[in-house]
């Protein structure tokens, strides 16, 4: 994170819903440095269904999120990894998000 020239590490929570049928849904990064960012994500057409991207916003800031599904222990799309960037009002954040299906 970078706010007013100060750099520091912050943690939050990542949640994602996904429809393999229409390859769209939502992603939310909550409680990241006291803010929540969410937006629509959709599949990348030439990725064979593995990659997604979209825009996120919240707390007067906006940014982007890109990621991919990965093979899990018992599921072909059991895990997900993403990277994100958020800027606005002198604030900049960049990070990664990881998740897996229950």
PDB file of N, CA and C in Angstrom:
ATOM      1  N   UNK A   1       0.832  -1.162   0.000  1.00  0.00           N
ATOM      2  CA  UNK A   1       0.000   0.000   0.000  1.00  0.00           C
ATOM      3  C   UNK A   1       0.888   1.240   0.000  1.00  0.00           C
ATOM      4  N   UNK A   2       0.350   2.303  -0.528  1.00  0.00           N
ATOM      5  CA  UNK A   2       1.060   3.568  -0.537  1.00  0.00           C
ATOM      6  C   UNK A   2       0.029   4.675  -0.366  1.00  0.00           C
ATOM      7  N   UNK A   3       0.026   5.312   0.790  1.00  0.00           N
ATOM      8  CA  UNK A   3      -0.877   6.423   1.065  1.00  0.00           C
ATOM      9  C   UNK A   3      -0.045   7.608   1.514  1.00  0.00           C
ATOM     10  N   UNK A   4      -0.132   8.692   0.795  1.00  0.00           N
ATOM     11  CA  UNK A   4       0.605   9.920   1.123  1.00  0.00           C
ATOM     12  C   UNK A   4       2.098   9.665   1.253  1.00  0.00           C
ATOM     13  N   UNK A   5       2.645   8.836   0.382  1.00  0.00           N
ATOM     14  CA  UNK A   5       4.082   8.580   0.371  1.00  0.00           C
ATOM     15  C   UNK A   5       4.559   7.537   1.354  1.00  0.00           C
ATOM     16  N   UNK A   6       3.676   7.001   2.189  1.00  0.00           N
ATOM     17  CA  UNK A   6       4.059   5.979   3.152  1.00  0.00           C
ATOM     18  C   UNK A   6       3.705   4.605   2.595  1.00  0.00           C
ATOM     19  N   UNK A   7       4.672   3.694   2.610  1.00  0.00           N
ATOM     20  CA  UNK A   7       4.437   2.335   2.130  1.00  0.00           C
ATOM     21  C   UNK A   7       4.291   1.391   3.315  1.00  0.00           C
ATOM     22  N   UNK A   8       3.341   0.458   3.196  1.00  0.00           N
ATOM     23  CA  UNK A   8       3.120  -0.510   4.259  1.00  0.00           C
ATOM     24  C   UNK A   8       2.377  -1.719   3.697  1.00  0.00           C
ATOM     25  N   UNK A   9       2.284  -2.771   4.480  1.00  0.00           N
ATOM     26  CA  UNK A   9       1.614  -4.004   4.087  1.00  0.00           C
ATOM     27  C   UNK A   9       0.248  -4.040   4.771  1.00  0.00           C
ATOM     28  N   UNK A  10      -0.767  -4.434   4.018  1.00  0.00           N
ATOM     29  CA  UNK A  10      -2.115  -4.587   4.565  1.00  0.00           C
ATOM     30  C   UNK A  10      -2.710  -5.897   4.040  1.00  0.00           C
ATOM     31  N   UNK A  11      -3.635  -6.455   4.789  1.00  0.00           N
ATOM     32  CA  UNK A  11      -4.279  -7.704   4.412  1.00  0.00           C
ATOM     33  C   UNK A  11      -5.784  -7.503   4.336  1.00  0.00           C
ATOM     34  N   UNK A  12      -6.438  -8.306   3.528  1.00  0.00           N
ATOM     35  CA  UNK A  12      -7.889  -8.271   3.401  1.00  0.00           C
ATOM     36  C   UNK A  12      -8.406  -9.653   3.067  1.00  0.00           C
ATOM     37  N   UNK A  13      -9.661  -9.731   2.660  1.00  0.00           N
ATOM     38  CA  UNK A  13     -10.304 -10.993   2.311  1.00  0.00           C
ATOM     39  C   UNK A  13     -10.738 -10.960   0.852  1.00  0.00           C
ATOM     40  N   UNK A  14     -10.615 -12.088   0.165  1.00  0.00           N
ATOM     41  CA  UNK A  14     -10.999 -12.189  -1.236  1.00  0.00           C
ATOM     42  C   UNK A  14     -12.138 -13.180  -1.375  1.00  0.00           C
ATOM     43  N   UNK A  15     -13.185 -12.767  -2.085  1.00  0.00           N
ATOM     44  CA  UNK A  15     -14.311 -13.660  -2.387  1.00  0.00           C
ATOM     45  C   UNK A  15     -14.663 -13.502  -3.857  1.00  0.00           C
ATOM     46  N   UNK A  16     -15.050 -14.602  -4.476  1.00  0.00           N
ATOM     47  CA  UNK A  16     -15.377 -14.571  -5.896  1.00  0.00           C
ATOM     48  C   UNK A  16     -16.525 -15.532  -6.162  1.00  0.00           C
ATOM     49  N   UNK A  17     -17.499 -15.088  -6.943  1.00  0.00           N
ATOM     50  CA  UNK A  17     -18.514 -16.002  -7.452  1.00  0.00           C
ATOM     51  C   UNK A  17     -18.293 -16.112  -8.948  1.00  0.00           C
ATOM     52  N   UNK A  18     -18.625 -17.259  -9.515  1.00  0.00           N
ATOM     53  CA  UNK A  18     -18.309 -17.495 -10.930  1.00  0.00           C
ATOM     54  C   UNK A  18     -19.340 -18.419 -11.535  1.00  0.00           C
ATOM     55  N   UNK A  19     -19.724 -18.149 -12.761  1.00  0.00           N
ATOM     56  CA  UNK A  19     -20.591 -19.030 -13.535  1.00  0.00           C
ATOM     57  C   UNK A  19     -19.775 -19.587 -14.690  1.00  0.00           C
ATOM     58  N   UNK A  20     -19.550 -20.884 -14.704  1.00  0.00           N
ATOM     59  CA  UNK A  20     -18.823 -21.484 -15.817  1.00  0.00           C
ATOM     60  C   UNK A  20     -19.671 -21.496 -17.083  1.00  0.00           C
ATOM     61  N   UNK A  21     -20.985 -21.321 -16.941  1.00  0.00           N
ATOM     62  CA  UNK A  21     -21.862 -21.276 -18.101  1.00  0.00           C
ATOM     63  C   UNK A  21     -21.672 -20.022 -18.939  1.00  0.00           C
ATOM     64  N   UNK A  22     -21.787 -18.853 -18.310  1.00  0.00           N
ATOM     65  CA  UNK A  22     -21.632 -17.611 -19.074  1.00  0.00           C
ATOM     66  C   UNK A  22     -20.303 -16.898 -18.814  1.00  0.00           C
ATOM     67  N   UNK A  23     -19.466 -17.497 -17.961  1.00  0.00           N
ATOM     68  CA  UNK A  23     -18.110 -17.007 -17.685  1.00  0.00           C
ATOM     69  C   UNK A  23     -18.084 -15.561 -17.191  1.00  0.00           C
ATOM     70  N   UNK A  24     -18.991 -15.241 -16.281  1.00  0.00           N
ATOM     71  CA  UNK A  24     -19.029 -13.924 -15.648  1.00  0.00           C
ATOM     72  C   UNK A  24     -19.435 -14.083 -14.195  1.00  0.00           C
ATOM     73  N   UNK A  25     -19.222 -13.070 -13.424  1.00  0.00           N
ATOM     74  CA  UNK A  25     -19.743 -12.920 -12.069  1.00  0.00           C
ATOM     75  C   UNK A  25     -19.034 -11.765 -11.374  1.00  0.00           C
ATOM     76  N   UNK A  26     -18.741 -11.944 -10.079  1.00  0.00           N
ATOM     77  CA  UNK A  26     -18.209 -10.838  -9.289  1.00  0.00           C
ATOM     78  C   UNK A  26     -16.992 -11.253  -8.470  1.00  0.00           C
ATOM     79  N   UNK A  27     -16.212 -10.244  -8.100  1.00  0.00           N
ATOM     80  CA  UNK A  27     -15.085 -10.427  -7.186  1.00  0.00           C
ATOM     81  C   UNK A  27     -15.141  -9.307  -6.159  1.00  0.00           C
ATOM     82  N   UNK A  28     -14.799  -9.630  -4.916  1.00  0.00           N
ATOM     83  CA  UNK A  28     -14.802  -8.647  -3.838  1.00  0.00           C
ATOM     84  C   UNK A  28     -13.548  -8.808  -2.993  1.00  0.00           C
ATOM     85  N   UNK A  29     -12.879  -7.706  -2.753  1.00  0.00           N
ATOM     86  CA  UNK A  29     -11.772  -7.653  -1.804  1.00  0.00           C
ATOM     87  C   UNK A  29     -12.276  -6.809  -0.642  1.00  0.00           C
ATOM     88  N   UNK A  30     -12.476  -7.421   0.508  1.00  0.00           N
ATOM     89  CA  UNK A  30     -13.054  -6.710   1.645  1.00  0.00           C
ATOM     90  C   UNK A  30     -12.031  -6.534   2.768  1.00  0.00           C
ATOM     91  N   UNK A  31     -12.280  -5.516   3.564  1.00  0.00           N
ATOM     92  CA  UNK A  31     -11.447  -5.221   4.728  1.00  0.00           C
ATOM     93  C   UNK A  31      -9.975  -5.066   4.363  1.00  0.00           C
ATOM     94  N   UNK A  32      -9.706  -4.504   3.201  1.00  0.00           N
ATOM     95  CA  UNK A  32      -8.330  -4.218   2.804  1.00  0.00           C
ATOM     96  C   UNK A  32      -8.014  -2.787   3.205  1.00  0.00           C
ATOM     97  N   UNK A  33      -7.248  -2.623   4.237  1.00  0.00           N
ATOM     98  CA  UNK A  33      -6.879  -1.297   4.719  1.00  0.00           C
ATOM     99  C   UNK A  33      -8.132  -0.473   5.026  1.00  0.00           C
ATOM    100  N   UNK A  34      -9.168  -1.156   5.534  1.00  0.00           N
ATOM    101  CA  UNK A  34     -10.404  -0.488   5.919  1.00  0.00           C
ATOM    102  C   UNK A  34     -11.387  -0.236   4.791  1.00  0.00           C
ATOM    103  N   UNK A  35     -11.141  -0.752   3.610  1.00  0.00           N
ATOM    104  CA  UNK A  35     -12.023  -0.514   2.461  1.00  0.00           C
ATOM    105  C   UNK A  35     -12.435  -1.826   1.809  1.00  0.00           C
ATOM    106  N   UNK A  36     -13.505  -1.759   1.030  1.00  0.00           N
ATOM    107  CA  UNK A  36     -13.977  -2.894   0.244  1.00  0.00           C
ATOM    108  C   UNK A  36     -14.037  -2.495  -1.215  1.00  0.00           C
ATOM    109  N   UNK A  37     -13.532  -3.366  -2.083  1.00  0.00           N
ATOM    110  CA  UNK A  37     -13.523  -3.137  -3.532  1.00  0.00           C
ATOM    111  C   UNK A  37     -14.241  -4.308  -4.187  1.00  0.00           C
ATOM    112  N   UNK A  38     -15.122  -4.004  -5.123  1.00  0.00           N
ATOM    113  CA  UNK A  38     -15.824  -5.077  -5.811  1.00  0.00           C
ATOM    114  C   UNK A  38     -16.111  -4.669  -7.245  1.00  0.00           C
ATOM    115  N   UNK A  39     -16.415  -5.679  -8.055  1.00  0.00           N
ATOM    116  CA  UNK A  39     -16.739  -5.411  -9.447  1.00  0.00           C
ATOM    117  C   UNK A  39     -17.054  -6.674 -10.200  1.00  0.00           C
ATOM    118  N   UNK A  40     -17.417  -6.487 -11.453  1.00  0.00           N
ATOM    119  CA  UNK A  40     -17.738  -7.605 -12.336  1.00  0.00           C
ATOM    120  C   UNK A  40     -16.472  -8.144 -12.982  1.00  0.00           C
ATOM    121  N   UNK A  41     -16.406  -9.452 -13.119  1.00  0.00           N
ATOM    122  CA  UNK A  41     -15.290 -10.091 -13.814  1.00  0.00           C
ATOM    123  C   UNK A  41     -15.859 -10.955 -14.925  1.00  0.00           C
ATOM    124  N   UNK A  42     -15.078 -11.169 -15.949  1.00  0.00           N
ATOM    125  CA  UNK A  42     -15.501 -12.018 -17.052  1.00  0.00           C
ATOM    126  C   UNK A  42     -14.303 -12.744 -17.636  1.00  0.00           C
ATOM    127  N   UNK A  43     -14.583 -13.848 -18.318  1.00  0.00           N
ATOM    128  CA  UNK A  43     -13.538 -14.699 -18.874  1.00  0.00           C
ATOM    129  C   UNK A  43     -12.814 -14.050 -20.037  1.00  0.00           C
ATOM    130  N   UNK A  44     -11.538 -14.383 -20.169  1.00  0.00           N
ATOM    131  CA  UNK A  44     -10.723 -13.958 -21.306  1.00  0.00           C
ATOM    132  C   UNK A  44     -10.976 -14.956 -22.429  1.00  0.00           C
ATOM    133  N   UNK A  45     -11.415 -14.482 -23.579  1.00  0.00           N
ATOM    134  CA  UNK A  45     -11.907 -15.365 -24.639  1.00  0.00           C
ATOM    135  C   UNK A  45     -10.864 -16.336 -25.190  1.00  0.00           C
ATOM    136  N   UNK A  46      -9.611 -15.969 -25.234  1.00  0.00           N
ATOM    137  CA  UNK A  46      -8.612 -16.859 -25.833  1.00  0.00           C
ATOM    138  C   UNK A  46      -7.808 -17.648 -24.795  1.00  0.00           C
ATOM    139  N   UNK A  47      -8.344 -17.807 -23.585  1.00  0.00           N
ATOM    140  CA  UNK A  47      -7.595 -18.485 -22.525  1.00  0.00           C
ATOM    141  C   UNK A  47      -8.057 -19.907 -22.266  1.00  0.00           C
ATOM    142  N   UNK A  48      -8.989 -20.415 -23.060  1.00  0.00           N
ATOM    143  CA  UNK A  48      -9.506 -21.753 -22.819  1.00  0.00           C
ATOM    144  C   UNK A  48     -10.369 -21.825 -21.571  1.00  0.00           C
ATOM    145  N   UNK A  49     -10.857 -20.695 -21.101  1.00  0.00           N
ATOM    146  CA  UNK A  49     -11.725 -20.653 -19.928  1.00  0.00           C
ATOM    147  C   UNK A  49     -11.006 -20.512 -18.612  1.00  0.00           C
ATOM    148  N   UNK A  50      -9.688 -20.455 -18.603  1.00  0.00           N
ATOM    149  CA  UNK A  50      -8.938 -20.419 -17.349  1.00  0.00           C
ATOM    150  C   UNK A  50      -8.755 -19.010 -16.787  1.00  0.00           C
ATOM    151  N   UNK A  51      -8.709 -17.987 -17.629  1.00  0.00           N
ATOM    152  CA  UNK A  51      -8.381 -16.637 -17.166  1.00  0.00           C
ATOM    153  C   UNK A  51      -9.612 -15.732 -17.106  1.00  0.00           C
ATOM    154  N   UNK A  52      -9.543 -14.724 -16.218  1.00  0.00           N
ATOM    155  CA  UNK A  52     -10.617 -13.747 -16.086  1.00  0.00           C
ATOM    156  C   UNK A  52     -10.010 -12.383 -15.769  1.00  0.00           C
ATOM    157  N   UNK A  53     -10.794 -11.333 -15.974  1.00  0.00           N
ATOM    158  CA  UNK A  53     -10.356  -9.984 -15.622  1.00  0.00           C
ATOM    159  C   UNK A  53     -11.578  -9.093 -15.458  1.00  0.00           C
ATOM    160  N   UNK A  54     -11.369  -7.932 -14.848  1.00  0.00           N
ATOM    161  CA  UNK A  54     -12.459  -6.988 -14.664  1.00  0.00           C
ATOM    162  C   UNK A  54     -12.011  -5.760 -13.923  1.00  0.00           C
ATOM    163  N   UNK A  55     -12.956  -4.873 -13.688  1.00  0.00           N
ATOM    164  CA  UNK A  55     -12.703  -3.626 -12.969  1.00  0.00           C
ATOM    165  C   UNK A  55     -13.273  -3.736 -11.566  1.00  0.00           C
ATOM    166  N   UNK A  56     -12.588  -3.126 -10.599  1.00  0.00           N
ATOM    167  CA  UNK A  56     -13.066  -3.082  -9.225  1.00  0.00           C
ATOM    168  C   UNK A  56     -13.073  -1.630  -8.762  1.00  0.00           C
ATOM    169  N   UNK A  57     -13.935  -1.334  -7.793  1.00  0.00           N
ATOM    170  CA  UNK A  57     -13.971   0.016  -7.239  1.00  0.00           C
ATOM    171  C   UNK A  57     -14.528  -0.025  -5.829  1.00  0.00           C
ATOM    172  N   UNK A  58     -14.261   1.049  -5.094  1.00  0.00           N
ATOM    173  CA  UNK A  58     -14.760   1.199  -3.734  1.00  0.00           C
ATOM    174  C   UNK A  58     -13.974   2.282  -3.027  1.00  0.00           C
ATOM    175  N   UNK A  59     -14.542   2.871  -2.005  1.00  0.00           N
ATOM    176  CA  UNK A  59     -13.890   3.894  -1.184  1.00  0.00           C
ATOM    177  C   UNK A  59     -13.377   5.069  -2.020  1.00  0.00           C
ATOM    178  N   UNK A  60     -14.075   5.376  -3.121  1.00  0.00           N
ATOM    179  CA  UNK A  60     -13.659   6.475  -3.990  1.00  0.00           C
ATOM    180  C   UNK A  60     -12.440   6.172  -4.839  1.00  0.00           C
ATOM    181  N   UNK A  61     -12.111   4.879  -4.958  1.00  0.00           N
ATOM    182  CA  UNK A  61     -10.941   4.462  -5.738  1.00  0.00           C
ATOM    183  C   UNK A  61     -11.385   3.453  -6.793  1.00  0.00           C
ATOM    184  N   UNK A  62     -10.539   3.243  -7.796  1.00  0.00           N
ATOM    185  CA  UNK A  62     -10.865   2.259  -8.822  1.00  0.00           C
ATOM    186  C   UNK A  62      -9.604   1.527  -9.252  1.00  0.00           C
ATOM    187  N   UNK A  63      -9.810   0.389  -9.893  1.00  0.00           N
ATOM    188  CA  UNK A  63      -8.667  -0.394 -10.337  1.00  0.00           C
ATOM    189  C   UNK A  63      -9.086  -1.586 -11.165  1.00  0.00           C
ATOM    190  N   UNK A  64      -8.170  -2.529 -11.289  1.00  0.00           N
ATOM    191  CA  UNK A  64      -8.407  -3.704 -12.108  1.00  0.00           C
ATOM    192  C   UNK A  64      -7.981  -4.963 -11.365  1.00  0.00           C
ATOM    193  N   UNK A  65      -8.516  -6.084 -11.831  1.00  0.00           N
ATOM    194  CA  UNK A  65      -8.208  -7.387 -11.265  1.00  0.00           C
ATOM    195  C   UNK A  65      -8.064  -8.366 -12.418  1.00  0.00           C
ATOM    196  N   UNK A  66      -7.016  -9.166 -12.411  1.00  0.00           N
ATOM    197  CA  UNK A  66      -6.782 -10.204 -13.411  1.00  0.00           C
ATOM    198  C   UNK A  66      -6.413 -11.482 -12.680  1.00  0.00           C
ATOM    199  N   UNK A  67      -6.881 -12.614 -13.190  1.00  0.00           N
ATOM    200  CA  UNK A  67      -6.555 -13.862 -12.522  1.00  0.00           C
ATOM    201  C   UNK A  67      -6.806 -15.076 -13.381  1.00  0.00           C
ATOM    202  N   UNK A  68      -6.635 -16.242 -12.753  1.00  0.00           N
ATOM    203  CA  UNK A  68      -6.810 -17.505 -13.471  1.00  0.00           C
ATOM    204  C   UNK A  68      -7.220 -18.615 -12.507  1.00  0.00           C
ATOM    205  N   UNK A  69      -7.989 -19.548 -13.033  1.00  0.00           N
ATOM    206  CA  UNK A  69      -8.308 -20.767 -12.310  1.00  0.00           C
ATOM    207  C   UNK A  69      -7.158 -21.748 -12.473  1.00  0.00           C
ATOM    208  N   UNK A  70      -6.939 -22.544 -11.430  1.00  0.00           N
ATOM    209  CA  UNK A  70      -5.869 -23.539 -11.461  1.00  0.00           C
ATOM    210  C   UNK A  70      -6.418 -24.865 -10.949  1.00  0.00           C
ATOM    211  N   UNK A  71      -5.769 -25.925 -11.345  1.00  0.00           N
ATOM    212  CA  UNK A  71      -6.172 -27.259 -10.901  1.00  0.00           C
ATOM    213  C   UNK A  71      -5.956 -27.375  -9.392  1.00  0.00           C
ATOM    214  N   UNK A  72      -6.987 -27.846  -8.715  1.00  0.00           N
ATOM    215  CA  UNK A  72      -6.896 -28.117  -7.291  1.00  0.00           C
ATOM    216  C   UNK A  72      -6.647 -29.594  -7.050  1.00  0.00           C
ATOM    217  N   UNK A  73      -6.621 -29.995  -5.797  1.00  0.00           N
ATOM    218  CA  UNK A  73      -6.357 -31.390  -5.450  1.00  0.00           C
ATOM    219  C   UNK A  73      -7.442 -32.331  -5.975  1.00  0.00           C
ATOM    220  N   UNK A  74      -8.688 -31.851  -6.021  1.00  0.00           N
ATOM    221  CA  UNK A  74      -9.772 -32.728  -6.453  1.00  0.00           C
ATOM    222  C   UNK A  74     -10.692 -32.083  -7.490  1.00  0.00           C
ATOM    223  N   UNK A  75     -10.237 -31.003  -8.137  1.00  0.00           N
ATOM    224  CA  UNK A  75     -11.102 -30.270  -9.045  1.00  0.00           C
ATOM    225  C   UNK A  75     -10.247 -29.555 -10.088  1.00  0.00           C
ATOM    226  N   UNK A  76     -10.643 -29.608 -11.354  1.00  0.00           N
ATOM    227  CA  UNK A  76      -9.869 -28.949 -12.410  1.00  0.00           C
ATOM    228  C   UNK A  76      -9.791 -27.435 -12.241  1.00  0.00           C
ATOM    229  N   UNK A  77     -10.753 -26.834 -11.556  1.00  0.00           N
ATOM    230  CA  UNK A  77     -10.738 -25.387 -11.311  1.00  0.00           C
ATOM    231  C   UNK A  77     -10.891 -25.131  -9.816  1.00  0.00           C
ATOM    232  N   UNK A  78     -10.207 -25.910  -9.019  1.00  0.00           N
ATOM    233  CA  UNK A  78     -10.362 -25.864  -7.566  1.00  0.00           C
ATOM    234  C   UNK A  78      -9.666 -24.722  -6.871  1.00  0.00           C
ATOM    235  N   UNK A  79      -8.776 -24.022  -7.564  1.00  0.00           N
ATOM    236  CA  UNK A  79      -8.049 -22.920  -6.943  1.00  0.00           C
ATOM    237  C   UNK A  79      -8.024 -21.732  -7.891  1.00  0.00           C
ATOM    238  N   UNK A  80      -7.814 -20.556  -7.328  1.00  0.00           N
ATOM    239  CA  UNK A  80      -7.784 -19.326  -8.121  1.00  0.00           C
ATOM    240  C   UNK A  80      -6.676 -18.422  -7.584  1.00  0.00           C
ATOM    241  N   UNK A  81      -6.019 -17.733  -8.494  1.00  0.00           N
ATOM    242  CA  UNK A  81      -5.024 -16.733  -8.137  1.00  0.00           C
ATOM    243  C   UNK A  81      -5.315 -15.469  -8.926  1.00  0.00           C
ATOM    244  N   UNK A  82      -5.120 -14.314  -8.301  1.00  0.00           N
ATOM    245  CA  UNK A  82      -5.403 -13.050  -8.977  1.00  0.00           C
ATOM    246  C   UNK A  82      -4.426 -11.980  -8.514  1.00  0.00           C
ATOM    247  N   UNK A  83      -4.289 -10.959  -9.342  1.00  0.00           N
ATOM    248  CA  UNK A  83      -3.530  -9.768  -8.964  1.00  0.00           C
ATOM    249  C   UNK A  83      -4.448  -8.569  -9.137  1.00  0.00           C
ATOM    250  N   UNK A  84      -4.240  -7.519  -8.332  1.00  0.00           N
ATOM    251  CA  UNK A  84      -5.091  -6.345  -8.437  1.00  0.00           C
ATOM    252  C   UNK A  84      -4.280  -5.069  -8.219  1.00  0.00           C
ATOM    253  N   UNK A  85      -4.851  -3.967  -8.726  1.00  0.00           N
ATOM    254  CA  UNK A  85      -4.294  -2.633  -8.549  1.00  0.00           C
ATOM    255  C   UNK A  85      -5.451  -1.679  -8.271  1.00  0.00           C
ATOM    256  N   UNK A  86      -5.270  -0.762  -7.317  1.00  0.00           N
ATOM    257  CA  UNK A  86      -6.285   0.230  -6.977  1.00  0.00           C
ATOM    258  C   UNK A  86      -5.589   1.570  -6.781  1.00  0.00           C
ATOM    259  N   UNK A  87      -6.177   2.640  -7.329  1.00  0.00           N
ATOM    260  CA  UNK A  87      -5.627   3.985  -7.138  1.00  0.00           C
ATOM    261  C   UNK A  87      -6.766   4.980  -6.936  1.00  0.00           C
ATOM    262  N   UNK A  88      -6.416   6.108  -6.350  1.00  0.00           N
ATOM    263  CA  UNK A  88      -7.369   7.204  -6.202  1.00  0.00           C
ATOM    264  C   UNK A  88      -7.096   8.015  -4.954  1.00  0.00           C
ATOM    265  N   UNK A  89      -7.202   9.325  -5.074  1.00  0.00           N
ATOM    266  CA  UNK A  89      -7.056  10.212  -3.917  1.00  0.00           C
ATOM    267  C   UNK A  89      -5.712  10.124  -3.226  1.00  0.00           C
ATOM    268  N   UNK A  90      -4.629   9.959  -3.981  1.00  0.00           N
ATOM    269  CA  UNK A  90      -3.304   9.852  -3.387  1.00  0.00           C
ATOM    270  C   UNK A  90      -2.988   8.483  -2.811  1.00  0.00           C
ATOM    271  N   UNK A  91      -3.844   7.506  -3.060  1.00  0.00           N
ATOM    272  CA  UNK A  91      -3.698   6.155  -2.522  1.00  0.00           C
ATOM    273  C   UNK A  91      -3.408   5.192  -3.666  1.00  0.00           C
ATOM    274  N   UNK A  92      -2.463   4.281  -3.465  1.00  0.00           N
ATOM    275  CA  UNK A  92      -2.154   3.252  -4.438  1.00  0.00           C
ATOM    276  C   UNK A  92      -1.994   1.921  -3.718  1.00  0.00           C
ATOM    277  N   UNK A  93      -2.590   0.882  -4.285  1.00  0.00           N
ATOM    278  CA  UNK A  93      -2.444  -0.453  -3.727  1.00  0.00           C
ATOM    279  C   UNK A  93      -2.250  -1.448  -4.857  1.00  0.00           C
ATOM    280  N   UNK A  94      -1.431  -2.440  -4.610  1.00  0.00           N
ATOM    281  CA  UNK A  94      -1.216  -3.546  -5.540  1.00  0.00           C
ATOM    282  C   UNK A  94      -1.084  -4.797  -4.678  1.00  0.00           C
ATOM    283  N   UNK A  95      -1.642  -5.888  -5.157  1.00  0.00           N
ATOM    284  CA  UNK A  95      -1.549  -7.091  -4.355  1.00  0.00           C
ATOM    285  C   UNK A  95      -1.955  -8.337  -5.115  1.00  0.00           C
ATOM    286  N   UNK A  96      -1.961  -9.438  -4.382  1.00  0.00           N
ATOM    287  CA  UNK A  96      -2.364 -10.729  -4.931  1.00  0.00           C
ATOM    288  C   UNK A  96      -3.481 -11.295  -4.065  1.00  0.00           C
ATOM    289  N   UNK A  97      -4.297 -12.133  -4.678  1.00  0.00           N
ATOM    290  CA  UNK A  97      -5.382 -12.806  -3.982  1.00  0.00           C
ATOM    291  C   UNK A  97      -5.321 -14.288  -4.345  1.00  0.00           C
ATOM    292  N   UNK A  98      -5.556 -15.130  -3.363  1.00  0.00           N
ATOM    293  CA  UNK A  98      -5.543 -16.581  -3.565  1.00  0.00           C
ATOM    294  C   UNK A  98      -6.790 -17.179  -2.958  1.00  0.00           C
ATOM    295  N   UNK A  99      -7.317 -18.209  -3.577  1.00  0.00           N
ATOM    296  CA  UNK A  99      -8.492 -18.860  -3.029  1.00  0.00           C
ATOM    297  C   UNK A  99      -8.628 -20.273  -3.531  1.00  0.00           C
ATOM    298  N   UNK A 100      -9.524 -21.026  -2.885  1.00  0.00           N
ATOM    299  CA  UNK A 100      -9.836 -22.373  -3.333  1.00  0.00           C
ATOM    300  C   UNK A 100     -11.281 -22.675  -2.986  1.00  0.00           C
ATOM    301  N   UNK A 101     -11.843 -23.620  -3.716  1.00  0.00           N
ATOM    302  CA  UNK A 101     -13.218 -23.997  -3.438  1.00  0.00           C
ATOM    303  C   UNK A 101     -13.254 -24.848  -2.173  1.00  0.00           C
ATOM    304  N   UNK A 102     -14.329 -24.731  -1.415  1.00  0.00           N
ATOM    305  CA  UNK A 102     -14.413 -25.502  -0.156  1.00  0.00           C
ATOM    306  C   UNK A 102     -14.554 -26.984  -0.405  1.00  0.00           C
TER     307      UNK A 102
END
